[in-house]
Amino acid sequence: MENNTSKQTKLHVKKGDTVMVISGNAKGKTGVIKQVIVEKSRAIVEGANLQTKHVKPSASNPQGGIEKREGSIHISNLMVVENGKPVRTGRKVNEQGKLQRYSKVTGKFIA
């Protein structure tokens, strides 16, 4: 028999984290994660990977025009920023017995 329970994948980043882009066109930019797309292992970072989108006129936007939007970035190209510097993260058990992310540089837990 197969086990049909879906297991949630653990990622090193989550919504609200401040991250730095470490490769790609937006390399070196920092921003806050607005959305994480778990199925595709991608994240949308505020102010990074801007793409041009041509918008048709509609009732809500009668003028239409060209908009700049953030595109998604693969999470392997992101590092969590702590005290202004990107840090590697790991997971270890905290005082309450829960698995929590921590900084491998300082050893402190990341909220």
PDB file of N, CA and C in Angstrom:
ATOM      1  N   MET A   1       0.822  -1.194   0.000  1.00  0.00           N
ATOM      2  CA  MET A   1       0.000   0.000   0.000  1.00  0.00           C
ATOM      3  C   MET A   1       0.865   1.256   0.000  1.00  0.00           C
ATOM      4  N   GLU A   2       0.403   2.258  -0.716  1.00  0.00           N
ATOM      5  CA  GLU A   2       1.137   3.518  -0.765  1.00  0.00           C
ATOM      6  C   GLU A   2       0.641   4.455   0.314  1.00  0.00           C
ATOM      7  N   ASN A   3       1.537   5.288   0.775  1.00  0.00           N
ATOM      8  CA  ASN A   3       1.183   6.294   1.756  1.00  0.00           C
ATOM      9  C   ASN A   3       0.754   7.556   1.002  1.00  0.00           C
ATOM     10  N   ASN A   4      -0.517   7.941   1.125  1.00  0.00           N
ATOM     11  CA  ASN A   4      -1.055   9.066   0.357  1.00  0.00           C
ATOM     12  C   ASN A   4      -0.968  10.400   1.077  1.00  0.00           C
ATOM     13  N   THR A   5      -0.300  10.444   2.232  1.00  0.00           N
ATOM     14  CA  THR A   5      -0.191  11.718   2.935  1.00  0.00           C
ATOM     15  C   THR A   5       0.796  12.611   2.214  1.00  0.00           C
ATOM     16  N   SER A   6       0.411  13.874   2.007  1.00  0.00           N
ATOM     17  CA  SER A   6       1.303  14.810   1.329  1.00  0.00           C
ATOM     18  C   SER A   6       2.218  15.440   2.366  1.00  0.00           C
ATOM     19  N   LYS A   7       3.499  15.417   2.095  1.00  0.00           N
ATOM     20  CA  LYS A   7       4.488  15.947   3.021  1.00  0.00           C
ATOM     21  C   LYS A   7       4.864  17.353   2.579  1.00  0.00           C
ATOM     22  N   GLN A   8       4.836  18.289   3.525  1.00  0.00           N
ATOM     23  CA  GLN A   8       5.186  19.668   3.209  1.00  0.00           C
ATOM     24  C   GLN A   8       6.698  19.775   3.070  1.00  0.00           C
ATOM     25  N   THR A   9       7.145  20.386   1.959  1.00  0.00           N
ATOM     26  CA  THR A   9       8.577  20.536   1.752  1.00  0.00           C
ATOM     27  C   THR A   9       9.110  21.676   2.611  1.00  0.00           C
ATOM     28  N   LYS A  10      10.275  21.475   3.187  1.00  0.00           N
ATOM     29  CA  LYS A  10      10.902  22.479   4.038  1.00  0.00           C
ATOM     30  C   LYS A  10      11.859  23.303   3.187  1.00  0.00           C
ATOM     31  N   LEU A  11      11.675  24.601   3.204  1.00  0.00           N
ATOM     32  CA  LEU A  11      12.522  25.498   2.437  1.00  0.00           C
ATOM     33  C   LEU A  11      13.354  26.353   3.393  1.00  0.00           C
ATOM     34  N   HIS A  12      14.474  26.870   2.935  1.00  0.00           N
ATOM     35  CA  HIS A  12      15.319  27.689   3.794  1.00  0.00           C
ATOM     36  C   HIS A  12      14.860  29.148   3.846  1.00  0.00           C
ATOM     37  N   VAL A  13      13.841  29.501   3.063  1.00  0.00           N
ATOM     38  CA  VAL A  13      13.284  30.852   3.078  1.00  0.00           C
ATOM     39  C   VAL A  13      11.774  30.777   3.271  1.00  0.00           C
ATOM     40  N   LYS A  14      11.201  31.862   3.785  1.00  0.00           N
ATOM     41  CA  LYS A  14       9.752  31.939   3.900  1.00  0.00           C
ATOM     42  C   LYS A  14       9.306  33.384   3.724  1.00  0.00           C
ATOM     43  N   LYS A  15       7.999  33.568   3.585  1.00  0.00           N
ATOM     44  CA  LYS A  15       7.426  34.894   3.359  1.00  0.00           C
ATOM     45  C   LYS A  15       7.814  35.833   4.496  1.00  0.00           C
ATOM     46  N   GLY A  16       8.253  37.042   4.140  1.00  0.00           N
ATOM     47  CA  GLY A  16       8.640  38.029   5.134  1.00  0.00           C
ATOM     48  C   GLY A  16      10.129  38.071   5.422  1.00  0.00           C
ATOM     49  N   ASP A  17      10.894  37.067   4.970  1.00  0.00           N
ATOM     50  CA  ASP A  17      12.348  37.060   5.165  1.00  0.00           C
ATOM     51  C   ASP A  17      13.002  38.121   4.291  1.00  0.00           C
ATOM     52  N   THR A  18      14.062  38.733   4.796  1.00  0.00           N
ATOM     53  CA  THR A  18      14.904  39.599   3.979  1.00  0.00           C
ATOM     54  C   THR A  18      15.977  38.712   3.369  1.00  0.00           C
ATOM     55  N   VAL A  19      16.066  38.750   2.046  1.00  0.00           N
ATOM     56  CA  VAL A  19      16.992  37.868   1.344  1.00  0.00           C
ATOM     57  C   VAL A  19      17.860  38.655   0.368  1.00  0.00           C
ATOM     58  N   MET A  20      18.977  38.032  -0.025  1.00  0.00           N
ATOM     59  CA  MET A  20      19.856  38.589  -1.048  1.00  0.00           C
ATOM     60  C   MET A  20      19.890  37.614  -2.214  1.00  0.00           C
ATOM     61  N   VAL A  21      19.829  38.161  -3.435  1.00  0.00           N
ATOM     62  CA  VAL A  21      19.926  37.345  -4.642  1.00  0.00           C
ATOM     63  C   VAL A  21      21.403  37.088  -4.898  1.00  0.00           C
ATOM     64  N   ILE A  22      21.794  35.803  -5.011  1.00  0.00           N
ATOM     65  CA  ILE A  22      23.207  35.474  -5.144  1.00  0.00           C
ATOM     66  C   ILE A  22      23.615  35.108  -6.559  1.00  0.00           C
ATOM     67  N   SER A  23      22.644  34.951  -7.475  1.00  0.00           N
ATOM     68  CA  SER A  23      22.999  34.712  -8.879  1.00  0.00           C
ATOM     69  C   SER A  23      21.849  35.131  -9.779  1.00  0.00           C
ATOM     70  N   GLY A  24      22.170  35.340 -11.050  1.00  0.00           N
ATOM     71  CA  GLY A  24      21.157  35.761 -12.020  1.00  0.00           C
ATOM     72  C   GLY A  24      21.265  37.239 -12.322  1.00  0.00           C
ATOM     73  N   ASN A  25      20.268  37.749 -13.050  1.00  0.00           N
ATOM     74  CA  ASN A  25      20.284  39.152 -13.466  1.00  0.00           C
ATOM     75  C   ASN A  25      20.180  40.115 -12.295  1.00  0.00           C
ATOM     76  N   ALA A  26      19.513  39.696 -11.218  1.00  0.00           N
ATOM     77  CA  ALA A  26      19.306  40.567 -10.057  1.00  0.00           C
ATOM     78  C   ALA A  26      20.347  40.322  -8.974  1.00  0.00           C
ATOM     79  N   LYS A  27      21.506  39.774  -9.337  1.00  0.00           N
ATOM     80  CA  LYS A  27      22.541  39.421  -8.362  1.00  0.00           C
ATOM     81  C   LYS A  27      22.938  40.633  -7.519  1.00  0.00           C
ATOM     82  N   GLY A  28      23.004  40.415  -6.186  1.00  0.00           N
ATOM     83  CA  GLY A  28      23.421  41.472  -5.269  1.00  0.00           C
ATOM     84  C   GLY A  28      22.282  42.278  -4.678  1.00  0.00           C
ATOM     85  N   LYS A  29      21.075  42.172  -5.251  1.00  0.00           N
ATOM     86  CA  LYS A  29      19.948  42.936  -4.733  1.00  0.00           C
ATOM     87  C   LYS A  29      19.368  42.254  -3.500  1.00  0.00           C
ATOM     88  N   THR A  30      18.905  43.073  -2.557  1.00  0.00           N
ATOM     89  CA  THR A  30      18.239  42.540  -1.380  1.00  0.00           C
ATOM     90  C   THR A  30      16.795  43.010  -1.372  1.00  0.00           C
ATOM     91  N   GLY A  31      15.932  42.234  -0.741  1.00  0.00           N
ATOM     92  CA  GLY A  31      14.529  42.588  -0.642  1.00  0.00           C
ATOM     93  C   GLY A  31      13.800  41.608   0.250  1.00  0.00           C
ATOM     94  N   VAL A  32      12.535  41.916   0.495  1.00  0.00           N
ATOM     95  CA  VAL A  32      11.685  41.083   1.341  1.00  0.00           C
ATOM     96  C   VAL A  32      10.879  40.140   0.449  1.00  0.00           C
ATOM     97  N   ILE A  33      10.734  38.891   0.868  1.00  0.00           N
ATOM     98  CA  ILE A  33       9.955  37.924   0.104  1.00  0.00           C
ATOM     99  C   ILE A  33       8.475  38.248   0.262  1.00  0.00           C
ATOM    100  N   LYS A  34       7.795  38.455  -0.881  1.00  0.00           N
ATOM    101  CA  LYS A  34       6.367  38.743  -0.889  1.00  0.00           C
ATOM    102  C   LYS A  34       5.535  37.472  -0.965  1.00  0.00           C
ATOM    103  N   GLN A  35       6.065  36.463  -1.676  1.00  0.00           N
ATOM    104  CA  GLN A  35       5.313  35.222  -1.890  1.00  0.00           C
ATOM    105  C   GLN A  35       6.289  34.089  -2.164  1.00  0.00           C
ATOM    106  N   VAL A  36       5.953  32.891  -1.650  1.00  0.00           N
ATOM    107  CA  VAL A  36       6.744  31.692  -1.937  1.00  0.00           C
ATOM    108  C   VAL A  36       5.849  30.717  -2.687  1.00  0.00           C
ATOM    109  N   ILE A  37       6.320  30.239  -3.834  1.00  0.00           N
ATOM    110  CA  ILE A  37       5.588  29.254  -4.637  1.00  0.00           C
ATOM    111  C   ILE A  37       6.261  27.912  -4.378  1.00  0.00           C
ATOM    112  N   VAL A  38       5.694  27.135  -3.440  1.00  0.00           N
ATOM    113  CA  VAL A  38       6.327  25.903  -2.962  1.00  0.00           C
ATOM    114  C   VAL A  38       6.401  24.856  -4.060  1.00  0.00           C
ATOM    115  N   GLU A  39       5.356  24.734  -4.879  1.00  0.00           N
ATOM    116  CA  GLU A  39       5.307  23.698  -5.913  1.00  0.00           C
ATOM    117  C   GLU A  39       6.456  23.838  -6.915  1.00  0.00           C
ATOM    118  N   LYS A  40       6.844  25.078  -7.204  1.00  0.00           N
ATOM    119  CA  LYS A  40       7.894  25.336  -8.188  1.00  0.00           C
ATOM    120  C   LYS A  40       9.227  25.701  -7.544  1.00  0.00           C
ATOM    121  N   SER A  41       9.283  25.741  -6.203  1.00  0.00           N
ATOM    122  CA  SER A  41      10.489  26.146  -5.458  1.00  0.00           C
ATOM    123  C   SER A  41      10.974  27.520  -5.904  1.00  0.00           C
ATOM    124  N   ARG A  42      10.048  28.460  -5.988  1.00  0.00           N
ATOM    125  CA  ARG A  42      10.379  29.812  -6.417  1.00  0.00           C
ATOM    126  C   ARG A  42       9.800  30.819  -5.431  1.00  0.00           C
ATOM    127  N   ALA A  43      10.342  32.035  -5.449  1.00  0.00           N
ATOM    128  CA  ALA A  43       9.866  33.097  -4.572  1.00  0.00           C
ATOM    129  C   ALA A  43       9.842  34.416  -5.334  1.00  0.00           C
ATOM    130  N   ILE A  44       8.932  35.298  -4.917  1.00  0.00           N
ATOM    131  CA  ILE A  44       8.855  36.638  -5.500  1.00  0.00           C
ATOM    132  C   ILE A  44       9.444  37.599  -4.469  1.00  0.00           C
ATOM    133  N   VAL A  45      10.526  38.284  -4.869  1.00  0.00           N
ATOM    134  CA  VAL A  45      11.254  39.184  -3.981  1.00  0.00           C
ATOM    135  C   VAL A  45      10.959  40.621  -4.392  1.00  0.00           C
ATOM    136  N   GLU A  46      10.633  41.437  -3.403  1.00  0.00           N
ATOM    137  CA  GLU A  46      10.289  42.833  -3.635  1.00  0.00           C
ATOM    138  C   GLU A  46      11.485  43.590  -4.225  1.00  0.00           C
ATOM    139  N   GLY A  47      11.289  44.186  -5.402  1.00  0.00           N
ATOM    140  CA  GLY A  47      12.321  45.007  -6.029  1.00  0.00           C
ATOM    141  C   GLY A  47      13.380  44.257  -6.810  1.00  0.00           C
ATOM    142  N   ALA A  48      13.285  42.934  -6.889  1.00  0.00           N
ATOM    143  CA  ALA A  48      14.286  42.148  -7.615  1.00  0.00           C
ATOM    144  C   ALA A  48      13.641  41.459  -8.807  1.00  0.00           C
ATOM    145  N   ASN A  49      14.421  41.232  -9.861  1.00  0.00           N
ATOM    146  CA  ASN A  49      13.969  40.548 -11.071  1.00  0.00           C
ATOM    147  C   ASN A  49      12.744  41.234 -11.687  1.00  0.00           C
ATOM    148  N   LEU A  50      12.858  42.546 -11.903  1.00  0.00           N
ATOM    149  CA  LEU A  50      11.744  43.302 -12.489  1.00  0.00           C
ATOM    150  C   LEU A  50      11.573  42.940 -13.957  1.00  0.00           C
ATOM    151  N   GLN A  51      10.314  42.738 -14.348  1.00  0.00           N
ATOM    152  CA  GLN A  51       9.988  42.387 -15.718  1.00  0.00           C
ATOM    153  C   GLN A  51       8.952  43.365 -16.252  1.00  0.00           C
ATOM    154  N   THR A  52       9.003  43.643 -17.554  1.00  0.00           N
ATOM    155  CA  THR A  52       8.067  44.565 -18.187  1.00  0.00           C
ATOM    156  C   THR A  52       6.839  43.798 -18.646  1.00  0.00           C
ATOM    157  N   LYS A  53       5.649  44.320 -18.300  1.00  0.00           N
ATOM    158  CA  LYS A  53       4.391  43.673 -18.668  1.00  0.00           C
ATOM    159  C   LYS A  53       3.522  44.700 -19.397  1.00  0.00           C
ATOM    160  N   HIS A  54       3.084  44.357 -20.601  1.00  0.00           N
ATOM    161  CA  HIS A  54       2.190  45.226 -21.359  1.00  0.00           C
ATOM    162  C   HIS A  54       0.766  44.902 -20.948  1.00  0.00           C
ATOM    163  N   VAL A  55       0.047  45.929 -20.450  1.00  0.00           N
ATOM    164  CA  VAL A  55      -1.293  45.724 -19.901  1.00  0.00           C
ATOM    165  C   VAL A  55      -2.330  46.340 -20.837  1.00  0.00           C
ATOM    166  N   LYS A  56      -3.336  45.538 -21.188  1.00  0.00           N
ATOM    167  CA  LYS A  56      -4.420  46.024 -22.035  1.00  0.00           C
ATOM    168  C   LYS A  56      -5.326  46.965 -21.246  1.00  0.00           C
ATOM    169  N   PRO A  57      -5.944  47.919 -21.907  1.00  0.00           N
ATOM    170  CA  PRO A  57      -6.919  48.759 -21.207  1.00  0.00           C
ATOM    171  C   PRO A  57      -8.105  47.923 -20.729  1.00  0.00           C
ATOM    172  N   SER A  58      -8.590  48.236 -19.533  1.00  0.00           N
ATOM    173  CA  SER A  58      -9.749  47.538 -18.975  1.00  0.00           C
ATOM    174  C   SER A  58     -10.590  48.542 -18.207  1.00  0.00           C
ATOM    175  N   ALA A  59     -11.675  48.085 -17.606  1.00  0.00           N
ATOM    176  CA  ALA A  59     -12.556  48.973 -16.853  1.00  0.00           C
ATOM    177  C   ALA A  59     -11.823  49.560 -15.648  1.00  0.00           C
ATOM    178  N   SER A  60     -11.020  48.749 -14.973  1.00  0.00           N
ATOM    179  CA  SER A  60     -10.302  49.242 -13.799  1.00  0.00           C
ATOM    180  C   SER A  60      -9.077  50.074 -14.183  1.00  0.00           C
ATOM    181  N   ASN A  61      -8.501  49.805 -15.364  1.00  0.00           N
ATOM    182  CA  ASN A  61      -7.334  50.534 -15.850  1.00  0.00           C
ATOM    183  C   ASN A  61      -7.609  50.967 -17.294  1.00  0.00           C
ATOM    184  N   PRO A  62      -8.388  52.056 -17.488  1.00  0.00           N
ATOM    185  CA  PRO A  62      -8.791  52.438 -18.846  1.00  0.00           C
ATOM    186  C   PRO A  62      -7.632  52.890 -19.735  1.00  0.00           C
ATOM    187  N   GLN A  63      -6.532  53.333 -19.146  1.00  0.00           N
ATOM    188  CA  GLN A  63      -5.400  53.805 -19.924  1.00  0.00           C
ATOM    189  C   GLN A  63      -4.550  52.655 -20.463  1.00  0.00           C
ATOM    190  N   GLY A  64      -4.438  51.561 -19.685  1.00  0.00           N
ATOM    191  CA  GLY A  64      -3.538  50.472 -20.089  1.00  0.00           C
ATOM    192  C   GLY A  64      -2.103  50.917 -19.910  1.00  0.00           C
ATOM    193  N   GLY A  65      -1.173  50.335 -20.637  1.00  0.00           N
ATOM    194  CA  GLY A  65       0.207  50.796 -20.601  1.00  0.00           C
ATOM    195  C   GLY A  65       1.196  49.706 -20.275  1.00  0.00           C
ATOM    196  N   ILE A  66       2.380  50.130 -19.845  1.00  0.00           N
ATOM    197  CA  ILE A  66       3.473  49.215 -19.538  1.00  0.00           C
ATOM    198  C   ILE A  66       3.747  49.272 -18.040  1.00  0.00           C
ATOM    199  N   GLU A  67       3.770  48.101 -17.387  1.00  0.00           N
ATOM    200  CA  GLU A  67       4.012  48.019 -15.956  1.00  0.00           C
ATOM    201  C   GLU A  67       5.291  47.228 -15.686  1.00  0.00           C
ATOM    202  N   LYS A  68       5.956  47.557 -14.604  1.00  0.00           N
ATOM    203  CA  LYS A  68       7.104  46.778 -14.120  1.00  0.00           C
ATOM    204  C   LYS A  68       6.599  45.895 -12.986  1.00  0.00           C
ATOM    205  N   ARG A  69       6.849  44.587 -13.094  1.00  0.00           N
ATOM    206  CA  ARG A  69       6.421  43.639 -12.066  1.00  0.00           C
ATOM    207  C   ARG A  69       7.600  42.777 -11.650  1.00  0.00           C
ATOM    208  N   GLU A  70       7.548  42.288 -10.409  1.00  0.00           N
ATOM    209  CA  GLU A  70       8.581  41.372  -9.934  1.00  0.00           C
ATOM    210  C   GLU A  70       8.309  39.980 -10.490  1.00  0.00           C
ATOM    211  N   GLY A  71       9.333  39.354 -11.029  1.00  0.00           N
ATOM    212  CA  GLY A  71       9.237  37.975 -11.484  1.00  0.00           C
ATOM    213  C   GLY A  71       9.729  37.046 -10.390  1.00  0.00           C
ATOM    214  N   SER A  72       9.438  35.771 -10.537  1.00  0.00           N
ATOM    215  CA  SER A  72       9.861  34.811  -9.516  1.00  0.00           C
ATOM    216  C   SER A  72      11.332  34.442  -9.700  1.00  0.00           C
ATOM    217  N   ILE A  73      11.963  34.062  -8.594  1.00  0.00           N
ATOM    218  CA  ILE A  73      13.371  33.660  -8.575  1.00  0.00           C
ATOM    219  C   ILE A  73      13.439  32.304  -7.888  1.00  0.00           C
ATOM    220  N   HIS A  74      14.252  31.401  -8.422  1.00  0.00           N
ATOM    221  CA  HIS A  74      14.392  30.088  -7.787  1.00  0.00           C
ATOM    222  C   HIS A  74      15.036  30.256  -6.411  1.00  0.00           C
ATOM    223  N   ILE A  75      14.542  29.497  -5.418  1.00  0.00           N
ATOM    224  CA  ILE A  75      15.011  29.706  -4.041  1.00  0.00           C
ATOM    225  C   ILE A  75      16.478  29.319  -3.842  1.00  0.00           C
ATOM    226  N   SER A  76      17.041  28.530  -4.760  1.00  0.00           N
ATOM    227  CA  SER A  76      18.461  28.200  -4.641  1.00  0.00           C
ATOM    228  C   SER A  76      19.332  29.422  -4.908  1.00  0.00           C
ATOM    229  N   ASN A  77      18.759  30.463  -5.506  1.00  0.00           N
ATOM    230  CA  ASN A  77      19.495  31.693  -5.802  1.00  0.00           C
ATOM    231  C   ASN A  77      19.299  32.755  -4.724  1.00  0.00           C
ATOM    232  N   LEU A  78      18.713  32.383  -3.582  1.00  0.00           N
ATOM    233  CA  LEU A  78      18.441  33.325  -2.505  1.00  0.00           C
ATOM    234  C   LEU A  78      19.150  32.893  -1.225  1.00  0.00           C
ATOM    235  N   MET A  79      19.650  33.879  -0.458  1.00  0.00           N
ATOM    236  CA  MET A  79      20.223  33.619   0.862  1.00  0.00           C
ATOM    237  C   MET A  79      19.584  34.574   1.858  1.00  0.00           C
ATOM    238  N   VAL A  80      19.282  34.068   3.045  1.00  0.00           N
ATOM    239  CA  VAL A  80      18.695  34.883   4.105  1.00  0.00           C
ATOM    240  C   VAL A  80      19.739  35.890   4.583  1.00  0.00           C
ATOM    241  N   VAL A  81      19.291  37.144   4.812  1.00  0.00           N
ATOM    242  CA  VAL A  81      20.186  38.205   5.275  1.00  0.00           C
ATOM    243  C   VAL A  81      19.996  38.391   6.773  1.00  0.00           C
ATOM    244  N   GLU A  82      21.122  38.394   7.500  1.00  0.00           N
ATOM    245  CA  GLU A  82      21.099  38.636   8.942  1.00  0.00           C
ATOM    246  C   GLU A  82      22.159  39.684   9.254  1.00  0.00           C
ATOM    247  N   ASN A  83      21.758  40.780   9.884  1.00  0.00           N
ATOM    248  CA  ASN A  83      22.659  41.896  10.202  1.00  0.00           C
ATOM    249  C   ASN A  83      23.354  42.440   8.959  1.00  0.00           C
ATOM    250  N   GLY A  84      22.636  42.489   7.837  1.00  0.00           N
ATOM    251  CA  GLY A  84      23.161  43.064   6.609  1.00  0.00           C
ATOM    252  C   GLY A  84      24.022  42.142   5.774  1.00  0.00           C
ATOM    253  N   LYS A  85      24.258  40.914   6.233  1.00  0.00           N
ATOM    254  CA  LYS A  85      25.090  39.976   5.484  1.00  0.00           C
ATOM    255  C   LYS A  85      24.319  38.694   5.209  1.00  0.00           C
ATOM    256  N   PRO A  86      24.525  38.099   4.013  1.00  0.00           N
ATOM    257  CA  PRO A  86      23.855  36.822   3.727  1.00  0.00           C
ATOM    258  C   PRO A  86      24.471  35.700   4.553  1.00  0.00           C
ATOM    259  N   VAL A  87      23.621  34.819   5.087  1.00  0.00           N
ATOM    260  CA  VAL A  87      24.097  33.713   5.924  1.00  0.00           C
ATOM    261  C   VAL A  87      23.500  32.396   5.441  1.00  0.00           C
ATOM    262  N   ARG A  88      24.262  31.317   5.624  1.00  0.00           N
ATOM    263  CA  ARG A  88      23.729  29.989   5.364  1.00  0.00           C
ATOM    264  C   ARG A  88      22.841  29.604   6.537  1.00  0.00           C
ATOM    265  N   THR A  89      21.825  28.806   6.247  1.00  0.00           N
ATOM    266  CA  THR A  89      20.910  28.400   7.304  1.00  0.00           C
ATOM    267  C   THR A  89      20.874  26.888   7.421  1.00  0.00           C
ATOM    268  N   GLY A  90      20.516  26.432   8.597  1.00  0.00           N
ATOM    269  CA  GLY A  90      20.335  25.020   8.854  1.00  0.00           C
ATOM    270  C   GLY A  90      19.104  24.846   9.726  1.00  0.00           C
ATOM    271  N   ARG A  91      18.869  23.607  10.180  1.00  0.00           N
ATOM    272  CA  ARG A  91      17.748  23.338  11.062  1.00  0.00           C
ATOM    273  C   ARG A  91      18.244  22.543  12.258  1.00  0.00           C
ATOM    274  N   LYS A  92      17.797  22.969  13.442  1.00  0.00           N
ATOM    275  CA  LYS A  92      18.070  22.176  14.636  1.00  0.00           C
ATOM    276  C   LYS A  92      16.934  22.370  15.631  1.00  0.00           C
ATOM    277  N   VAL A  93      16.890  21.500  16.614  1.00  0.00           N
ATOM    278  CA  VAL A  93      15.805  21.495  17.588  1.00  0.00           C
ATOM    279  C   VAL A  93      16.035  22.612  18.605  1.00  0.00           C
ATOM    280  N   ASN A  94      14.967  23.423  18.860  1.00  0.00           N
ATOM    281  CA  ASN A  94      15.068  24.511  19.825  1.00  0.00           C
ATOM    282  C   ASN A  94      14.687  24.017  21.228  1.00  0.00           C
ATOM    283  N   GLU A  95      14.562  24.942  22.189  1.00  0.00           N
ATOM    284  CA  GLU A  95      14.266  24.589  23.581  1.00  0.00           C
ATOM    285  C   GLU A  95      12.898  23.920  23.750  1.00  0.00           C
ATOM    286  N   GLN A  96      11.944  24.258  22.881  1.00  0.00           N
ATOM    287  CA  GLN A  96      10.600  23.681  22.964  1.00  0.00           C
ATOM    288  C   GLN A  96      10.496  22.329  22.258  1.00  0.00           C
ATOM    289  N   GLY A  97      11.586  21.856  21.673  1.00  0.00           N
ATOM    290  CA  GLY A  97      11.578  20.574  20.989  1.00  0.00           C
ATOM    291  C   GLY A  97      11.113  20.653  19.542  1.00  0.00           C
ATOM    292  N   LYS A  98      10.989  21.871  19.010  1.00  0.00           N
ATOM    293  CA  LYS A  98      10.566  22.065  17.615  1.00  0.00           C
ATOM    294  C   LYS A  98      11.781  22.269  16.730  1.00  0.00           C
ATOM    295  N   LEU A  99      11.672  21.835  15.483  1.00  0.00           N
ATOM    296  CA  LEU A  99      12.731  22.052  14.495  1.00  0.00           C
ATOM    297  C   LEU A  99      12.625  23.486  13.997  1.00  0.00           C
ATOM    298  N   GLN A 100      13.714  24.242  14.075  1.00  0.00           N
ATOM    299  CA  GLN A 100      13.692  25.649  13.709  1.00  0.00           C
ATOM    300  C   GLN A 100      14.947  26.013  12.930  1.00  0.00           C
ATOM    301  N   ARG A 101      14.815  27.023  12.061  1.00  0.00           N
ATOM    302  CA  ARG A 101      15.956  27.477  11.267  1.00  0.00           C
ATOM    303  C   ARG A 101      16.947  28.230  12.160  1.00  0.00           C
ATOM    304  N   TYR A 102      18.242  28.109  11.838  1.00  0.00           N
ATOM    305  CA  TYR A 102      19.257  28.865  12.562  1.00  0.00           C
ATOM    306  C   TYR A 102      20.349  29.307  11.597  1.00  0.00           C
ATOM    307  N   SER A 103      21.061  30.337  12.000  1.00  0.00           N
ATOM    308  CA  SER A 103      22.161  30.859  11.188  1.00  0.00           C
ATOM    309  C   SER A 103      23.409  30.043  11.479  1.00  0.00           C
ATOM    310  N   LYS A 104      24.068  29.552  10.425  1.00  0.00           N
ATOM    311  CA  LYS A 104      25.280  28.765  10.609  1.00  0.00           C
ATOM    312  C   LYS A 104      26.466  29.643  10.942  1.00  0.00           C
ATOM    313  N   VAL A 105      26.350  30.956  10.756  1.00  0.00           N
ATOM    314  CA  VAL A 105      27.438  31.888  11.069  1.00  0.00           C
ATOM    315  C   VAL A 105      27.422  32.221  12.554  1.00  0.00           C
ATOM    316  N   THR A 106      26.247  32.644  13.061  1.00  0.00           N
ATOM    317  CA  THR A 106      26.151  33.074  14.460  1.00  0.00           C
ATOM    318  C   THR A 106      25.650  31.973  15.385  1.00  0.00           C
ATOM    319  N   GLY A 107      24.955  30.987  14.850  1.00  0.00           N
ATOM    320  CA  GLY A 107      24.378  29.921  15.667  1.00  0.00           C
ATOM    321  C   GLY A 107      23.052  30.298  16.289  1.00  0.00           C
ATOM    322  N   LYS A 108      22.549  31.500  16.017  1.00  0.00           N
ATOM    323  CA  LYS A 108      21.284  31.974  16.606  1.00  0.00           C
ATOM    324  C   LYS A 108      20.116  31.499  15.741  1.00  0.00           C
ATOM    325  N   PHE A 109      18.961  31.312  16.401  1.00  0.00           N
ATOM    326  CA  PHE A 109      17.760  30.903  15.696  1.00  0.00           C
ATOM    327  C   PHE A 109      17.185  32.076  14.910  1.00  0.00           C
ATOM    328  N   ILE A 110      16.619  31.768  13.744  1.00  0.00           N
ATOM    329  CA  ILE A 110      15.997  32.769  12.883  1.00  0.00           C
ATOM    330  C   ILE A 110      14.489  32.658  13.070  1.00  0.00           C
ATOM    331  N   ALA A 111      13.842  33.774  13.349  1.00  0.00           N
ATOM    332  CA  ALA A 111      12.394  33.776  13.607  1.00  0.00           C
ATOM    333  C   ALA A 111      11.587  33.389  12.399  1.00  0.00           C
TER     334      ALA A 111
END
